[in-house]
Amino acid sequence: MNISSRLEHTELADQYNTEIEKTFIENLNMLYVALTRPKDRLYLIGNGKDLLEERKAQKALEGTAKNVSHLLYRYLVAEGLWETGKLCYQVYAGQATKQDSGSREIGPAYTLDYLQTNDWAKRLQLKQHANNVFDFETQTEQRIQNKKLHYALSRILTAAQLDDVLRQMVYQGIISDREKSTLKERLLEVVNHPKISHYFSEKVIVEHEKELLDARAYLYKPDRVVFDGDQVVLLEFKLPPPLEEHRNKLDHYAVRFKQLGYEKVKCLLYYFDTEELYEWSYGGKSLQMGLAL
């Protein structure tokens, strides 16, 4: 918000003067940083329009300095360097830094008669998802897209509803019309996946993001709970890379359904982008099956 000098003559005069003082101190701190950081040269460029006329220049010496140009002007006047009409000054010449062009003395050399090493290609391996670990800008964008994908999946009961859900998300301002086609492609990868498509059909009963409350008052909320005959299927959608905690989380959900009396509990863990799918049937710690693609 722009601050008008007219506020000085209103009931907000105190607040106006306080804000002006804070702004001046902040700018003074910035000027201090600018003046103390250069190593070789420092050029200060200010607006000298108010200093061309002697009458206006005299006003720059009165009251609080309004800008950096006035501060520079006051310094030049105080040092006796100011000349009317002259706008370029060399305040300090400094001393030239000598460049060390000579060669440094090198200590004694040692010959390595034997050096054991291995082929770096066999020791250094980049994981498939290394770009997600080190590219923080990509991580942020992926998290945003992940939320939008989760939101859409939480409202899709069957694959036939995909277009309606996307249209509603555009109306709600959650996604732009430009994002719609890209998001649709990614959602189709999920709902048409050969091992998942059945759970987006009308042949099953779906509960998405249904909250479960256990005896300790802990809440559990799987992304999608599917009742397929006498079997409960728990689905979670994640961003790569696969982590052990993702599997543990689904196992915790499975335990809750076991406690509710469901004998057959199946877990599905799907990763966006890579389309990796892990599935296992939960049978307790002793009967637990390994992850299977």
Protein backbone atom coordinates (compact mmCIF):
# COMPACT_ATOMS: atom_id res chain seq x y z
CA MET A 1 0.00 0.00 0.00
CA ASN A 2 1.38 3.41 -0.94
CA ILE A 3 1.89 5.83 1.94
CA SER A 4 0.92 9.42 1.21
CA SER A 5 2.56 12.36 2.99
CA ARG A 6 -0.94 13.71 3.50
CA LEU A 7 -1.35 11.18 6.30
CA GLU A 8 0.99 13.36 8.37
CA HIS A 9 -1.88 15.82 8.80
CA THR A 10 -4.48 13.26 9.84
CA GLU A 11 -5.22 11.17 12.94
CA LEU A 12 -2.80 8.58 11.54
CA ALA A 13 0.15 10.95 11.80
CA ASP A 14 1.91 8.90 14.52
CA GLN A 15 1.58 5.68 12.57
CA TYR A 16 2.73 7.44 9.41
CA ASN A 17 5.86 8.87 11.05
CA THR A 18 6.66 5.51 12.66
CA GLU A 19 6.37 3.73 9.31
CA ILE A 20 8.55 6.35 7.58
CA GLU A 21 11.21 5.98 10.27
CA LYS A 22 11.18 2.17 10.03
CA THR A 23 11.47 2.33 6.26
CA PHE A 24 14.39 4.76 6.53
CA ILE A 25 16.23 2.52 9.02
CA GLU A 26 15.65 -0.54 6.84
CA ASN A 27 17.02 1.26 3.79
CA LEU A 28 19.96 2.52 5.85
CA ASN A 29 20.78 -1.07 6.84
CA MET A 30 20.64 -2.12 3.19
CA LEU A 31 22.95 0.77 2.28
CA TYR A 32 25.39 -0.32 4.98
CA VAL A 33 25.47 -3.84 3.56
CA ALA A 34 25.99 -2.49 0.04
CA LEU A 35 28.88 -0.25 1.17
CA THR A 36 30.72 -2.92 3.14
CA ARG A 37 30.58 -5.92 0.79
CA PRO A 38 32.55 -4.90 -2.37
CA LYS A 39 36.12 -6.23 -2.68
CA ASP A 40 37.61 -4.27 -5.62
CA ARG A 41 35.35 -1.39 -6.64
CA LEU A 42 32.19 0.31 -5.48
CA TYR A 43 30.07 2.58 -7.67
CA LEU A 44 27.29 4.63 -6.06
CA ILE A 45 24.69 6.01 -8.47
CA GLY A 46 22.02 8.41 -7.27
CA ASN A 47 19.43 10.76 -8.68
CA GLY A 48 20.98 14.27 -8.76
CA LYS A 49 17.92 16.08 -10.09
CA ASP A 50 17.28 17.83 -6.76
CA LEU A 51 20.91 18.97 -6.51
CA LEU A 52 21.30 20.84 -9.81
CA GLU A 53 19.80 24.05 -8.43
CA GLU A 54 21.44 25.66 -5.42
CA ARG A 55 18.08 26.40 -3.78
CA LYS A 56 16.94 22.78 -4.01
CA ALA A 57 20.36 21.52 -3.03
CA GLN A 58 20.21 23.61 0.14
CA LYS A 59 16.96 21.89 1.11
CA ALA A 60 18.71 18.51 0.88
CA LEU A 61 20.79 19.62 3.87
CA GLU A 62 17.72 20.27 6.00
CA GLY A 63 15.82 17.77 8.09
CA THR A 64 16.00 14.03 7.47
CA ALA A 65 17.69 12.84 4.28
CA LYS A 66 15.03 11.58 1.90
CA ASN A 67 17.17 9.24 -0.17
CA VAL A 68 20.68 7.94 -0.84
CA SER A 69 21.45 10.89 -3.14
CA HIS A 70 20.87 13.31 -0.28
CA LEU A 71 23.10 11.23 2.00
CA LEU A 72 25.89 11.28 -0.59
CA TYR A 73 25.41 15.02 -1.10
CA ARG A 74 25.67 15.70 2.64
CA TYR A 75 28.84 13.62 2.83
CA LEU A 76 30.47 15.52 -0.07
CA VAL A 77 29.52 18.88 1.48
CA ALA A 78 30.85 17.84 4.90
CA GLU A 79 34.15 16.74 3.34
CA GLY A 80 34.40 19.91 1.27
CA LEU A 81 34.29 17.96 -1.98
CA TRP A 82 31.02 19.24 -3.41
CA GLU A 83 31.15 21.38 -6.55
CA THR A 84 27.97 22.82 -8.05
CA GLY A 85 27.28 21.21 -11.42
CA LYS A 86 29.76 18.38 -10.89
CA LEU A 87 27.97 15.04 -10.50
CA CYS A 88 30.82 12.53 -10.69
CA TYR A 89 33.24 12.09 -7.80
CA GLN A 90 35.96 9.67 -6.88
CA VAL A 91 35.81 9.53 -3.11
CA TYR A 92 38.64 7.09 -2.55
CA ALA A 93 41.15 5.64 -4.97
CA GLY A 94 42.39 2.79 -2.83
CA GLN A 95 45.46 0.74 -3.59
CA ALA A 96 45.88 -1.66 -6.43
CA THR A 97 46.04 -5.29 -5.42
CA LYS A 98 49.15 -7.01 -6.62
CA GLN A 99 48.52 -10.12 -8.62
CA ASP A 100 50.74 -13.00 -7.62
CA SER A 101 51.94 -14.28 -10.97
CA GLY A 102 54.90 -16.17 -9.64
CA SER A 103 54.84 -19.90 -9.16
CA ARG A 104 54.45 -21.20 -5.68
CA GLU A 105 57.04 -23.48 -4.23
CA ILE A 106 55.93 -27.05 -4.47
CA GLY A 107 56.82 -29.46 -1.74
CA PRO A 108 58.52 -32.80 -2.27
CA ALA A 109 56.78 -35.19 -4.66
CA TYR A 110 55.98 -38.78 -3.78
CA THR A 111 55.64 -41.55 -6.32
CA LEU A 112 52.85 -44.06 -5.76
CA ASP A 113 54.19 -47.41 -6.81
CA TYR A 114 50.95 -49.21 -6.07
CA LEU A 115 47.40 -47.84 -6.10
CA GLN A 116 44.40 -50.03 -5.55
CA THR A 117 41.15 -48.84 -7.08
CA ASN A 118 37.97 -50.11 -8.68
CA ASP A 119 35.96 -49.18 -11.70
CA TRP A 120 33.88 -46.16 -10.60
CA ALA A 121 30.96 -47.33 -12.73
CA LYS A 122 30.67 -50.43 -10.53
CA ARG A 123 30.78 -48.43 -7.29
CA LEU A 124 28.71 -45.38 -8.16
CA GLN A 125 25.06 -45.97 -8.88
CA LEU A 126 22.30 -43.41 -9.24
CA LYS A 127 18.88 -44.57 -8.18
CA GLN A 128 16.01 -44.35 -10.58
CA HIS A 129 14.45 -41.59 -8.49
CA ALA A 130 17.63 -39.60 -7.80
CA ASN A 131 16.24 -36.54 -9.58
CA ASN A 132 13.37 -36.43 -7.10
CA VAL A 133 15.79 -36.45 -4.18
CA PHE A 134 18.05 -33.62 -5.29
CA ASP A 135 15.83 -31.38 -7.43
CA PHE A 136 13.91 -29.39 -4.81
CA GLU A 137 12.03 -27.32 -7.38
CA THR A 138 10.76 -30.53 -8.94
CA GLN A 139 9.81 -31.85 -5.51
CA THR A 140 7.64 -28.81 -4.83
CA GLU A 141 5.89 -29.08 -8.19
CA GLN A 142 5.36 -32.82 -7.68
CA ARG A 143 3.81 -32.27 -4.26
CA ILE A 144 1.34 -29.80 -5.77
CA GLN A 145 0.43 -32.24 -8.55
CA ASN A 146 0.21 -35.06 -6.02
CA LYS A 147 -2.41 -33.15 -4.01
CA LYS A 148 -4.47 -32.51 -7.14
CA LEU A 149 -4.27 -36.17 -8.16
CA HIS A 150 -5.30 -37.26 -4.67
CA TYR A 151 -8.19 -34.82 -4.65
CA ALA A 152 -9.45 -36.12 -8.00
CA LEU A 153 -9.09 -39.78 -6.99
CA SER A 154 -10.92 -39.11 -3.74
CA ARG A 155 -13.97 -38.07 -5.78
CA ILE A 156 -13.90 -40.74 -8.47
CA LEU A 157 -15.99 -43.75 -7.58
CA THR A 158 -15.87 -45.30 -11.05
CA ALA A 159 -13.71 -44.55 -14.10
CA ALA A 160 -16.79 -43.22 -15.93
CA GLN A 161 -16.90 -40.26 -13.52
CA LEU A 162 -13.42 -39.01 -14.40
CA ASP A 163 -14.49 -36.29 -16.84
CA ASP A 164 -17.22 -35.01 -14.51
CA VAL A 165 -14.78 -34.77 -11.60
CA LEU A 166 -12.22 -32.86 -13.68
CA ARG A 167 -14.90 -30.49 -14.93
CA GLN A 168 -15.99 -29.82 -11.35
CA MET A 169 -12.37 -29.17 -10.29
CA VAL A 170 -12.09 -26.53 -13.01
CA TYR A 171 -15.32 -24.89 -11.83
CA GLN A 172 -14.01 -24.86 -8.25
CA GLY A 173 -10.72 -23.26 -9.34
CA ILE A 174 -8.63 -26.21 -8.10
CA ILE A 175 -7.12 -26.68 -11.55
CA SER A 176 -7.04 -24.52 -14.66
CA ASP A 177 -8.60 -25.56 -17.93
CA ARG A 178 -5.06 -25.86 -19.31
CA GLU A 179 -4.11 -28.40 -16.61
CA LYS A 180 -7.19 -30.49 -17.24
CA SER A 181 -5.85 -32.58 -20.15
CA THR A 182 -2.53 -33.33 -18.45
CA LEU A 183 -4.24 -34.35 -15.22
CA LYS A 184 -6.67 -36.53 -17.15
CA GLU A 185 -3.80 -38.44 -18.78
CA ARG A 186 -2.27 -39.18 -15.41
CA LEU A 187 -5.58 -40.23 -13.90
CA LEU A 188 -6.28 -42.53 -16.86
CA GLU A 189 -2.96 -44.24 -16.14
CA VAL A 190 -4.34 -45.08 -12.71
CA VAL A 191 -7.93 -46.05 -13.45
CA ASN A 192 -6.94 -48.08 -16.55
CA HIS A 193 -4.04 -49.91 -14.91
CA PRO A 194 -4.66 -53.63 -15.51
CA LYS A 195 -4.38 -54.48 -11.79
CA ILE A 196 -6.36 -51.45 -10.56
CA SER A 197 -9.10 -50.89 -13.16
CA HIS A 198 -11.36 -53.47 -11.48
CA TYR A 199 -11.40 -51.31 -8.32
CA PHE A 200 -12.73 -48.37 -10.35
CA SER A 201 -15.61 -50.35 -11.79
CA GLU A 202 -19.24 -50.71 -10.74
CA LYS A 203 -18.61 -54.30 -9.64
CA VAL A 204 -17.21 -53.23 -6.29
CA ILE A 205 -18.22 -51.00 -3.36
CA VAL A 206 -15.87 -48.07 -2.79
CA GLU A 207 -15.09 -45.97 0.25
CA HIS A 208 -12.45 -43.31 -0.42
CA GLU A 209 -10.51 -41.61 2.38
CA LYS A 210 -12.75 -43.27 4.95
CA GLU A 211 -11.59 -42.56 8.50
CA LEU A 212 -11.02 -45.42 10.93
CA LEU A 213 -10.85 -44.82 14.68
CA ASP A 214 -9.15 -47.43 16.86
CA ALA A 215 -9.34 -47.98 20.62
CA ARG A 216 -6.51 -45.51 21.23
CA ALA A 217 -8.45 -42.78 19.37
CA TYR A 218 -5.96 -42.81 16.48
CA LEU A 219 -7.39 -41.92 13.09
CA TYR A 220 -6.51 -43.92 9.97
CA LYS A 221 -7.54 -42.81 6.50
CA PRO A 222 -6.54 -44.93 3.49
CA ASP A 223 -6.79 -43.27 0.08
CA ARG A 224 -9.29 -45.87 -1.14
CA VAL A 225 -11.07 -48.78 0.51
CA VAL A 226 -12.74 -51.28 -1.82
CA PHE A 227 -15.08 -54.05 -0.73
CA ASP A 228 -14.75 -56.77 -3.36
CA GLY A 229 -16.93 -59.69 -2.31
CA ASP A 230 -15.52 -61.05 0.97
CA GLN A 231 -12.22 -59.24 0.42
CA VAL A 232 -11.17 -55.74 1.51
CA VAL A 233 -8.69 -53.99 -0.79
CA LEU A 234 -6.74 -51.01 0.55
CA LEU A 235 -5.17 -48.64 -2.00
CA GLU A 236 -2.61 -45.92 -1.41
CA PHE A 237 -1.28 -43.54 -4.08
CA LYS A 238 2.19 -42.12 -3.59
CA LEU A 239 4.97 -40.20 -5.31
CA PRO A 240 8.17 -42.11 -5.98
CA PRO A 241 10.57 -43.27 -4.71
CA PRO A 242 9.13 -46.29 -2.87
CA LEU A 243 9.76 -46.13 0.88
CA GLU A 244 9.37 -48.70 3.62
CA GLU A 245 7.13 -46.32 5.55
CA HIS A 246 4.60 -46.41 2.70
CA ARG A 247 4.23 -50.16 3.10
CA ASN A 248 4.13 -49.91 6.89
CA LYS A 249 1.33 -47.39 6.66
CA LEU A 250 -0.81 -49.75 4.59
CA ASP A 251 -0.03 -52.58 6.99
CA HIS A 252 -1.33 -50.45 9.86
CA TYR A 253 -4.57 -49.92 7.95
CA ALA A 254 -4.78 -53.65 7.27
CA VAL A 255 -4.43 -54.43 10.98
CA ARG A 256 -7.42 -52.21 11.73
CA PHE A 257 -9.59 -54.07 9.22
CA LYS A 258 -8.42 -57.40 10.61
CA GLN A 259 -9.58 -56.20 14.01
CA LEU A 260 -12.96 -55.35 12.46
CA GLY A 261 -13.34 -59.00 11.48
CA TYR A 262 -12.31 -59.00 7.82
CA GLU A 263 -10.31 -62.15 7.07
CA LYS A 264 -9.07 -61.25 3.58
CA VAL A 265 -7.24 -57.92 3.39
CA LYS A 266 -5.28 -57.00 0.28
CA CYS A 267 -2.94 -54.00 0.00
CA LEU A 268 -2.09 -52.10 -3.20
CA LEU A 269 0.58 -49.41 -3.33
CA TYR A 270 0.67 -47.36 -6.54
CA TYR A 271 3.33 -44.79 -7.49
CA PHE A 272 2.53 -41.90 -9.80
CA ASP A 273 4.88 -41.16 -12.74
CA THR A 274 6.63 -44.55 -12.68
CA GLU A 275 3.33 -46.53 -12.55
CA GLU A 276 4.96 -48.99 -10.16
CA LEU A 277 2.49 -51.16 -8.32
CA TYR A 278 3.17 -53.27 -5.24
CA GLU A 279 0.55 -55.66 -3.92
CA TRP A 280 0.41 -58.09 -1.04
CA SER A 281 -2.14 -59.87 1.11
CA TYR A 282 -1.92 -59.02 4.78
CA GLY A 283 -1.91 -62.09 6.99
CA GLY A 284 -0.24 -60.90 10.17
CA LYS A 285 3.46 -60.57 10.88
CA SER A 286 4.21 -64.30 10.64
CA LEU A 287 2.34 -64.80 7.35
CA GLN A 288 3.27 -61.52 5.70
CA MET A 289 4.02 -61.81 1.98
CA GLY A 290 6.80 -59.83 0.34
CA LEU A 291 6.14 -57.00 -2.09
CA ALA A 292 5.25 -58.28 -5.55
CA LEU A 293 5.04 -56.37 -8.81
